C-alpha atoms as a PDB file:
ATOM      1  CA  MET A   1      12.300  22.387  11.170  1.00  0.00           C
ATOM      2  CA  LYS A   2      15.827  20.612  11.435  1.00  0.00           C
ATOM      3  CA  ASN A   3      16.229  19.106  14.545  1.00  0.00           C
ATOM      4  CA  LEU A   4      14.701  16.280  15.188  1.00  0.00           C
ATOM      5  CA  GLU A   5      14.842  14.713  18.719  1.00  0.00           C
ATOM      6  CA  PHE A   6      13.456  11.720  20.620  1.00  0.00           C
ATOM      7  CA  VAL A   7      12.756  11.913  24.056  1.00  0.00           C
ATOM      8  CA  ALA A   8      11.688   9.538  26.660  1.00  0.00           C
ATOM      9  CA  LEU A   9       7.311  10.605  26.985  1.00  0.00           C
ATOM     10  CA  ASP A  10       8.557  11.265  31.019  1.00  0.00           C
ATOM     11  CA  ARG A  11      11.358  14.269  30.201  1.00  0.00           C
ATOM     12  CA  VAL A  12       8.155  15.928  28.401  1.00  0.00           C
ATOM     13  CA  GLU A  13       5.998  18.204  30.389  1.00  0.00           C
ATOM     14  CA  PRO A  14       2.513  16.257  30.060  1.00  0.00           C
ATOM     15  CA  GLU A  15       0.297  19.289  29.932  1.00  0.00           C
ATOM     16  CA  ALA A  16       2.571  20.061  26.384  1.00  0.00           C
ATOM     17  CA  LEU A  17       0.894  16.561  25.753  1.00  0.00           C
ATOM     18  CA  LEU A  18      -2.572  17.433  26.515  1.00  0.00           C
ATOM     19  CA  GLY A  19      -2.183  20.257  24.063  1.00  0.00           C
ATOM     20  CA  LEU A  20      -0.816  18.623  21.401  1.00  0.00           C
ATOM     21  CA  MET A  21      -2.806  15.427  21.653  1.00  0.00           C
ATOM     22  CA  ASN A  22      -6.069  17.626  21.927  1.00  0.00           C
ATOM     23  CA  GLN A  23      -5.764  19.399  18.675  1.00  0.00           C
ATOM     24  CA  GLU A  24      -8.229  19.046  16.168  1.00  0.00           C
ATOM     25  CA  PRO A  25      -6.469  18.404  13.032  1.00  0.00           C
ATOM     26  CA  LEU A  26      -4.341  15.743  14.545  1.00  0.00           C
ATOM     27  CA  ARG A  27      -7.727  13.723  16.333  1.00  0.00           C
ATOM     28  CA  ARG A  28      -9.250  13.650  13.258  1.00  0.00           C
ATOM     29  CA  HIS A  29      -6.382  10.806  11.958  1.00  0.00           C
ATOM     30  CA  LEU A  30      -7.073   9.504  15.288  1.00  0.00           C
ATOM     31  CA  VAL A  31      -8.431   6.280  16.296  1.00  0.00           C
ATOM     32  CA  ASP A  32     -11.689   8.196  18.064  1.00  0.00           C
ATOM     33  CA  HIS A  33     -11.200   9.059  21.886  1.00  0.00           C
ATOM     34  CA  ALA A  34     -12.196  11.594  24.546  1.00  0.00           C
ATOM     35  CA  TYR A  35     -10.500  14.617  24.874  1.00  0.00           C
ATOM     36  CA  PHE A  36      -7.297  14.337  27.228  1.00  0.00           C
ATOM     37  CA  ASP A  37      -7.699  16.344  30.617  1.00  0.00           C
ATOM     38  CA  SER A  38      -4.810  16.042  33.090  1.00  0.00           C
ATOM     39  CA  ALA A  39      -5.568  13.253  34.452  1.00  0.00           C
ATOM     40  CA  GLY A  40      -6.106  11.249  31.192  1.00  0.00           C
ATOM     41  CA  ILE A  41      -2.701  12.301  29.660  1.00  0.00           C
ATOM     42  CA  ARG A  42      -0.647  11.545  32.939  1.00  0.00           C
ATOM     43  CA  GLY A  43      -2.388   8.174  32.367  1.00  0.00           C
ATOM     44  CA  TRP A  44      -2.102   7.581  29.330  1.00  0.00           C
ATOM     45  CA  VAL A  45       2.086   8.651  29.877  1.00  0.00           C
ATOM     46  CA  GLN A  46       2.236   5.415  32.044  1.00  0.00           C
ATOM     47  CA  GLU A  47       0.706   3.419  29.749  1.00  0.00           C
ATOM     48  CA  LYS A  48       3.103   3.975  26.965  1.00  0.00           C
ATOM     49  CA  LEU A  49       6.090   3.981  29.155  1.00  0.00           C
ATOM     50  CA  ALA A  50       4.915   0.490  30.292  1.00  0.00           C
ATOM     51  CA  VAL A  51       4.678  -0.451  26.548  1.00  0.00           C
ATOM     52  CA  ASP A  52       8.438   1.425  26.210  1.00  0.00           C
ATOM     53  CA  ALA A  53       9.193  -1.248  28.876  1.00  0.00           C
ATOM     54  CA  LEU A  54       8.324  -4.164  26.346  1.00  0.00           C
ATOM     55  CA  PRO A  55      11.424  -5.933  24.518  1.00  0.00           C
ATOM     56  CA  GLY A  56      11.339  -4.425  21.258  1.00  0.00           C
ATOM     57  CA  CYS A  57       9.584  -1.417  22.008  1.00  0.00           C
ATOM     58  CA  ARG A  58      10.259   2.115  22.129  1.00  0.00           C
ATOM     59  CA  VAL A  59       7.635   5.102  22.729  1.00  0.00           C
ATOM     60  CA  ARG A  60       9.058   8.475  22.564  1.00  0.00           C
ATOM     61  CA  ALA A  61       7.902  12.159  22.115  1.00  0.00           C
ATOM     62  CA  ILE A  62       9.232  14.090  19.689  1.00  0.00           C
ATOM     63  CA  ARG A  63      10.757  16.896  19.306  1.00  0.00           C
ATOM     64  CA  VAL A  64      11.398  19.112  16.263  1.00  0.00           C
ATOM     65  CA  ASP A  65      13.874  22.509  16.604  1.00  0.00           C
ATOM     66  CA  GLY A  66      13.183  22.173  20.455  1.00  0.00           C
ATOM     67  CA  ASN A  67       9.505  22.130  20.258  1.00  0.00           C
ATOM     68  CA  LEU A  68       6.686  19.341  21.131  1.00  0.00           C
ATOM     69  CA  ALA A  69       5.642  18.214  17.916  1.00  0.00           C
ATOM     70  CA  GLY A  70       4.037  14.254  18.104  1.00  0.00           C
ATOM     71  CA  TRP A  71       4.927  11.139  19.609  1.00  0.00           C
ATOM     72  CA  CYS A  72       6.183   7.757  17.646  1.00  0.00           C
ATOM     73  CA  GLY A  73       6.851   4.192  19.008  1.00  0.00           C
ATOM     74  CA  ILE A  74       7.494   0.916  17.544  1.00  0.00           C
ATOM     75  CA  GLN A  75       4.396  -0.692  19.481  1.00  0.00           C
ATOM     76  CA  PRO A  76       2.587  -4.677  20.157  1.00  0.00           C
ATOM     77  CA  ASP A  77      -0.140  -5.378  17.452  1.00  0.00           C
ATOM     78  CA  ASP A  78      -2.111  -8.124  16.698  1.00  0.00           C
ATOM     79  CA  HIS A  79       0.510  -8.534  13.953  1.00  0.00           C
ATOM     80  CA  GLY A  80       3.069  -8.632  15.769  1.00  0.00           C
ATOM     81  CA  PHE A  81       4.533  -5.040  16.081  1.00  0.00           C
ATOM     82  CA  GLU A  82       3.434  -1.898  15.014  1.00  0.00           C
ATOM     83  CA  LEU A  83       4.584   1.365  13.851  1.00  0.00           C
ATOM     84  CA  ALA A  84       2.721   4.690  15.246  1.00  0.00           C
ATOM     85  CA  ILE A  85       3.731   8.285  14.240  1.00  0.00           C
ATOM     86  CA  VAL A  86       1.391  11.072  15.565  1.00  0.00           C
ATOM     87  CA  LEU A  87       2.629  14.663  14.795  1.00  0.00           C
ATOM     88  CA  SER A  88       0.801  18.170  14.482  1.00  0.00           C
ATOM     89  CA  HIS A  89       0.155  19.538  11.954  1.00  0.00           C
ATOM     90  CA  LYS A  90       2.778  22.055  12.147  1.00  0.00           C
ATOM     91  CA  ALA A  91       5.445  19.247  11.725  1.00  0.00           C
ATOM     92  CA  TRP A  92       3.495  16.964   9.389  1.00  0.00           C
ATOM     93  CA  GLY A  93       6.635  17.154   6.519  1.00  0.00           C
ATOM     94  CA  ARG A  94       8.925  15.709   9.348  1.00  0.00           C
ATOM     95  CA  GLY A  95       6.985  12.109   9.258  1.00  0.00           C
ATOM     96  CA  ILE A  96       9.180  10.734   6.891  1.00  0.00           C
ATOM     97  CA  ALA A  97      12.374  11.358   8.915  1.00  0.00           C
ATOM     98  CA  VAL A  98      10.185  10.261  11.588  1.00  0.00           C
ATOM     99  CA  PHE A  99       9.385   6.672   9.706  1.00  0.00           C
ATOM    100  CA  ARG A 100      12.769   6.148   8.465  1.00  0.00           C
ATOM    101  CA  THR A 101      13.822   6.505  12.120  1.00  0.00           C
ATOM    102  CA  LEU A 102      10.968   4.114  13.558  1.00  0.00           C
ATOM    103  CA  MET A 103      12.543   1.285  10.285  1.00  0.00           C
ATOM    104  CA  ASP A 104      16.089   1.544  11.887  1.00  0.00           C
ATOM    105  CA  TRP A 105      14.549   0.588  15.404  1.00  0.00           C
ATOM    106  CA  ALA A 106      13.070  -1.985  14.308  1.00  0.00           C
ATOM    107  CA  SER A 107      15.967  -3.365  12.421  1.00  0.00           C
ATOM    108  CA  GLU A 108      17.880  -2.973  15.483  1.00  0.00           C
ATOM    109  CA  PHE A 109      15.449  -4.403  18.055  1.00  0.00           C
ATOM    110  CA  GLY A 110      15.931  -7.771  15.028  1.00  0.00           C
ATOM    111  CA  HIS A 111      11.937  -6.954  14.061  1.00  0.00           C
ATOM    112  CA  GLU A 112      11.559  -9.070  10.787  1.00  0.00           C
ATOM    113  CA  GLU A 113       8.257  -7.217   9.848  1.00  0.00           C
ATOM    114  CA  VAL A 114       5.931  -4.425  11.400  1.00  0.00           C
ATOM    115  CA  VAL A 115       2.586  -3.018  10.463  1.00  0.00           C
ATOM    116  CA  PHE A 116       1.569   0.469   9.600  1.00  0.00           C
ATOM    117  CA  HIS A 117      -1.781   1.174   9.885  1.00  0.00           C
ATOM    118  CA  LEU A 118      -3.193   4.631   8.613  1.00  0.00           C
ATOM    119  CA  LEU A 119      -6.500   5.644   9.409  1.00  0.00           C
ATOM    120  CA  GLY A 120      -9.024   5.785   6.152  1.00  0.00           C
ATOM    121  CA  SER A 121      -9.112   9.593   6.825  1.00  0.00           C
ATOM    122  CA  ARG A 122      -5.709   9.331   5.094  1.00  0.00           C
ATOM    123  CA  PRO A 123      -4.588   8.756   1.184  1.00  0.00           C
ATOM    124  CA  GLU A 124      -3.401   5.323  -0.138  1.00  0.00           C
ATOM    125  CA  TYR A 125       0.115   6.116   0.045  1.00  0.00           C
ATOM    126  CA  ARG A 126       1.911   4.732  -3.381  1.00  0.00           C
ATOM    127  CA  SER A 127       5.465   4.462  -1.490  1.00  0.00           C
ATOM    128  CA  LEU A 128       4.297   2.930   1.241  1.00  0.00           C
ATOM    129  CA  ALA A 129       2.314   0.404  -0.914  1.00  0.00           C
ATOM    130  CA  ARG A 130       5.314  -0.676  -3.017  1.00  0.00           C
ATOM    131  CA  MET A 131       7.486  -0.649  -0.034  1.00  0.00           C
ATOM    132  CA  ALA A 132       4.817  -3.185   1.626  1.00  0.00           C
ATOM    133  CA  HIS A 133       4.691  -7.100   0.385  1.00  0.00           C
ATOM    134  CA  LYS A 134       1.401  -6.734   1.946  1.00  0.00           C
ATOM    135  CA  VAL A 135      -1.352  -3.939   2.114  1.00  0.00           C
ATOM    136  CA  HIS A 136      -5.466  -4.638   3.402  1.00  0.00           C
ATOM    137  CA  GLY A 137      -8.129  -2.676   4.897  1.00  0.00           C
ATOM    138  CA  SER A 138      -8.738  -3.465   8.034  1.00  0.00           C
ATOM    139  CA  GLU A 139     -10.928  -2.401  11.627  1.00  0.00           C
ATOM    140  CA  LEU A 140      -9.493  -0.955  15.019  1.00  0.00           C
ATOM    141  CA  SER A 141     -11.651   0.484  17.555  1.00  0.00           C
ATOM    142  CA  GLY A 142     -14.689   0.548  15.109  1.00  0.00           C
ATOM    143  CA  ARG A 143     -12.941   2.837  12.772  1.00  0.00           C
ATOM    144  CA  ARG A 144     -11.430   2.192   8.897  1.00  0.00           C
ATOM    145  CA  PHE A 145      -7.339   1.536   8.084  1.00  0.00           C
ATOM    146  CA  THR A 146      -5.406   0.781   5.547  1.00  0.00           C
ATOM    147  CA  THR A 147      -2.852  -1.602   6.781  1.00  0.00           C
ATOM    148  CA  TYR A 148       0.939  -1.791   5.468  1.00  0.00           C
ATOM    149  CA  HIS A 149       3.023  -4.855   6.185  1.00  0.00           C
ATOM    150  CA  LEU A 150       6.559  -3.632   5.778  1.00  0.00           C
ATOM    151  CA  ALA A 151       9.437  -5.860   6.300  1.00  0.00           C
ATOM    152  CA  VAL A 152      12.387  -4.753   8.244  1.00  0.00           C
ATOM    153  CA  GLU A 153      16.192  -5.022   6.836  1.00  0.00           C
ATOM    154  CA  ARG A 154      18.747  -6.014   8.919  1.00  0.00           C
ATOM    155  CA  PRO A 155      21.763  -3.768   9.519  1.00  0.00           C
ATOM    156  CA  VAL A 156      24.534  -4.261   7.419  1.00  0.00           C
ATOM    157  CA  ALA A 157      27.413  -5.587   9.155  1.00  0.00           C
ATOM    158  CA  THR A 158      30.384  -3.764   9.258  1.00  0.00           C
END
């Protein structure tokens, strides 16, 4: 898995997203939601395209070696902006590269801070905790999360 590509959600077949978003290993680490059907995934894509159009936000599908592997984005949150990374089990090793890209986007947008909510089913990540200026438990949609508040580095002027 070498080639990582970020593409607009409307450039991905909804049925491919449907298969991805209904994968059991992936669903274990997401907020509880009903399984998607064709209409549901099309509605979800429209919602994410609306988020993508907001200032300071970007939502993209992730392809690895040309294959759909997940989605990611910077989206509104009660704290300002949050990072979202959703990867198929086969692509879990690509999460750090996706995270770095999201942090670059946050810098590009001029965000000073972003939050990253990881479901309580995931371990606390020491590397994220070292990067964060604040880490705490939170509850979203009835699920427990570890929330990391991350300062965004400013781009270096050239």
